[in-house]
Amino acid sequence: MKITQKHILFWDGIFSNFYPCYFENEDGEFFTSEQYFMYMKALYFNDVEIADKIYNEKLPGKCKKLGRQIKNFDKEEWLTVCEEVMEKAVYDKFNQNKRLLKELLDPKYNGKKFVEASPFDDIWGIKMGEENPDADNESKWCGLNLLGKVLNNVRIRLL
């Protein structure tokens, strides 16, 4: 993680969807926000078989891999709802885990925006790593930073 004047650049750690954390909601019990997200993605596209496999899988990397096998997946349709699904996952993750909540609400983040500095992801991240000199310049980002936006929204809600 790298904190600048404007941003909290991260790719792993507690702000990552792969970070282990137990939470529950009306959809079940989950061990990472990635597991919840992929589970809901499978259910959204009515792939109950993959949804069951994801629900019973605790490793986030395997959940992500299973999520790539969802039948009838439509990327454009998923993009219309995925932020809402992710926001629920991230909200539950932080709201139900006091240590994580304390970190998310730490005053050192006041006035800064969360940025997933993934060099590979152009949807949830900015498609550049935190050491990239352009990572602190929003006009140079090569991705949508949806996870950063979700974290910003959740932080505001929880404050």
Protein backbone atom coordinates (compact mmCIF):
# COMPACT_ATOMS: atom_id res chain seq x y z
CA MET A 1 0.00 0.00 0.00
CA LYS A 2 1.17 3.50 -0.81
CA ILE A 3 -0.47 6.64 0.56
CA THR A 4 -0.03 9.89 -1.36
CA GLN A 5 -1.50 13.35 -0.85
CA LYS A 6 -4.57 12.32 -2.88
CA HIS A 7 -4.84 8.54 -2.87
CA ILE A 8 -4.56 5.25 -1.01
CA LEU A 9 -3.01 2.98 -3.62
CA PHE A 10 -3.41 -0.74 -2.81
CA TRP A 11 -3.44 -4.07 -4.53
CA ASP A 12 -3.41 -6.48 -1.63
CA GLY A 13 -3.96 -6.26 2.12
CA ILE A 14 -7.24 -5.62 3.88
CA PHE A 15 -8.72 -3.56 1.05
CA SER A 16 -8.31 -6.45 -1.40
CA ASN A 17 -11.25 -8.75 -2.13
CA PHE A 18 -8.93 -11.67 -1.48
CA TYR A 19 -8.32 -10.65 2.14
CA PRO A 20 -9.69 -13.33 4.49
CA CYS A 21 -12.65 -12.12 6.53
CA TYR A 22 -15.79 -13.86 7.69
CA PHE A 23 -19.14 -12.18 7.22
CA GLU A 24 -22.72 -13.25 6.78
CA ASN A 25 -25.88 -11.84 5.32
CA GLU A 26 -29.22 -13.05 3.94
CA ASP A 27 -27.32 -14.83 1.13
CA GLY A 28 -25.20 -16.99 3.47
CA GLU A 29 -21.80 -17.10 5.16
CA PHE A 30 -18.68 -15.95 3.31
CA PHE A 31 -14.92 -15.97 3.86
CA THR A 32 -13.89 -13.20 1.44
CA SER A 33 -15.68 -10.47 -0.45
CA GLU A 34 -14.42 -12.17 -3.64
CA GLN A 35 -16.30 -15.35 -2.72
CA TYR A 36 -19.52 -13.39 -2.15
CA PHE A 37 -19.09 -11.40 -5.36
CA MET A 38 -18.49 -14.49 -7.52
CA TYR A 39 -21.34 -16.35 -5.82
CA MET A 40 -23.76 -13.53 -6.54
CA LYS A 41 -22.47 -13.26 -10.11
CA ALA A 42 -23.25 -16.96 -10.67
CA LEU A 43 -26.71 -16.58 -9.17
CA TYR A 44 -27.38 -13.48 -11.27
CA PHE A 45 -26.81 -15.54 -14.41
CA ASN A 46 -28.76 -18.51 -12.98
CA ASP A 47 -25.77 -20.84 -12.88
CA VAL A 48 -26.67 -22.68 -9.68
CA GLU A 49 -24.05 -25.38 -10.25
CA ILE A 50 -21.16 -22.89 -10.28
CA ALA A 51 -22.80 -20.86 -7.48
CA ASP A 52 -22.78 -23.96 -5.26
CA LYS A 53 -19.12 -24.65 -6.04
CA ILE A 54 -18.19 -21.05 -5.22
CA TYR A 55 -20.20 -21.11 -2.01
CA ASN A 56 -18.34 -24.21 -0.86
CA GLU A 57 -14.91 -22.86 -1.85
CA LYS A 58 -12.98 -20.79 0.70
CA LEU A 59 -9.99 -19.81 -1.43
CA PRO A 60 -10.63 -16.53 -3.27
CA GLY A 61 -8.41 -17.40 -6.24
CA LYS A 62 -10.43 -20.56 -6.84
CA CYS A 63 -13.66 -18.58 -6.47
CA LYS A 64 -12.45 -16.14 -9.11
CA LYS A 65 -11.50 -19.02 -11.41
CA LEU A 66 -14.94 -20.58 -10.95
CA GLY A 67 -16.49 -17.19 -11.67
CA ARG A 68 -14.90 -17.30 -15.12
CA GLN A 69 -16.84 -20.49 -15.84
CA ILE A 70 -20.31 -19.03 -15.31
CA LYS A 71 -22.67 -20.08 -18.08
CA ASN A 72 -24.56 -17.38 -20.00
CA PHE A 73 -22.30 -14.65 -18.59
CA ASP A 74 -22.82 -11.29 -20.29
CA LYS A 75 -20.11 -8.75 -19.44
CA GLU A 76 -22.13 -5.69 -20.49
CA GLU A 77 -25.15 -6.78 -18.45
CA TRP A 78 -22.97 -7.59 -15.42
CA LEU A 79 -21.36 -4.15 -15.61
CA THR A 80 -24.80 -2.62 -14.96
CA VAL A 81 -25.12 -4.32 -11.55
CA CYS A 82 -21.64 -5.37 -10.42
CA GLU A 83 -20.83 -2.22 -8.42
CA GLU A 84 -23.98 -2.63 -6.34
CA VAL A 85 -23.13 -6.27 -5.64
CA MET A 86 -19.55 -5.39 -4.73
CA GLU A 87 -20.67 -2.57 -2.47
CA LYS A 88 -22.82 -4.97 -0.47
CA ALA A 89 -19.89 -7.38 -0.13
CA VAL A 90 -17.46 -4.66 0.94
CA TYR A 91 -19.96 -3.07 3.33
CA ASP A 92 -20.64 -6.38 5.07
CA LYS A 93 -16.92 -7.20 5.17
CA PHE A 94 -16.00 -4.00 7.01
CA ASN A 95 -19.19 -3.51 9.02
CA GLN A 96 -18.94 -7.01 10.55
CA ASN A 97 -15.20 -7.01 11.31
CA LYS A 98 -14.20 -4.44 13.93
CA ARG A 99 -10.46 -4.52 13.20
CA LEU A 100 -11.06 -4.00 9.49
CA LEU A 101 -13.61 -1.28 10.17
CA LYS A 102 -11.16 0.56 12.41
CA GLU A 103 -8.58 0.55 9.60
CA LEU A 104 -11.06 1.69 6.94
CA LEU A 105 -12.20 4.60 9.12
CA ASP A 106 -8.68 5.62 10.21
CA PRO A 107 -8.34 9.42 10.00
CA LYS A 108 -5.09 9.02 8.02
CA TYR A 109 -7.34 8.32 5.00
CA ASN A 110 -9.43 11.49 5.38
CA GLY A 111 -9.55 13.49 2.17
CA LYS A 112 -8.01 10.68 0.10
CA LYS A 113 -9.49 8.31 -2.47
CA PHE A 114 -9.00 4.56 -2.52
CA VAL A 115 -7.38 3.23 -5.67
CA GLU A 116 -6.89 -0.41 -6.61
CA ALA A 117 -3.42 -0.21 -8.13
CA SER A 118 -3.67 -3.49 -10.01
CA PRO A 119 -1.39 -3.58 -13.03
CA PHE A 120 -3.73 -6.14 -14.63
CA ASP A 121 -7.31 -5.03 -13.93
CA ASP A 122 -8.90 -2.26 -15.98
CA ILE A 123 -12.36 -2.60 -14.45
CA TRP A 124 -11.85 -2.88 -10.69
CA GLY A 125 -8.41 -1.26 -10.76
CA ILE A 126 -6.42 1.31 -12.71
CA LYS A 127 -4.29 -1.17 -14.69
CA MET A 128 -1.06 0.15 -13.22
CA GLY A 129 0.88 -0.68 -10.08
CA GLU A 130 1.35 1.64 -7.11
CA GLU A 131 4.98 2.33 -8.08
CA ASN A 132 3.97 3.57 -11.52
CA PRO A 133 4.62 7.35 -11.54
CA ASP A 134 1.21 7.90 -13.19
CA ALA A 135 -0.73 5.97 -10.53
CA ASP A 136 -1.32 9.18 -8.57
CA ASN A 137 -2.65 11.00 -11.65
CA GLU A 138 -6.30 10.15 -12.32
CA SER A 139 -6.14 11.50 -15.87
CA LYS A 140 -3.52 8.84 -16.71
CA TRP A 141 -5.33 5.84 -15.29
CA CYS A 142 -5.99 2.97 -17.69
CA GLY A 143 -8.86 1.49 -15.69
CA LEU A 144 -12.18 2.37 -14.06
CA ASN A 145 -11.10 1.83 -10.42
CA LEU A 146 -14.51 0.44 -9.47
CA LEU A 147 -13.17 -1.20 -6.30
CA GLY A 148 -11.69 2.11 -5.19
CA LYS A 149 -15.03 3.83 -5.81
CA VAL A 150 -16.85 1.14 -3.84
CA LEU A 151 -14.44 1.49 -0.92
CA ASN A 152 -14.89 5.28 -0.96
CA ASN A 153 -18.69 4.87 -0.88
CA VAL A 154 -18.58 2.27 1.90
CA ARG A 155 -16.25 4.40 3.98
CA ILE A 156 -18.60 7.38 3.69
CA ARG A 157 -21.58 5.21 4.67
CA LEU A 158 -19.78 3.78 7.70
CA LEU A 159 -18.47 7.14 8.92
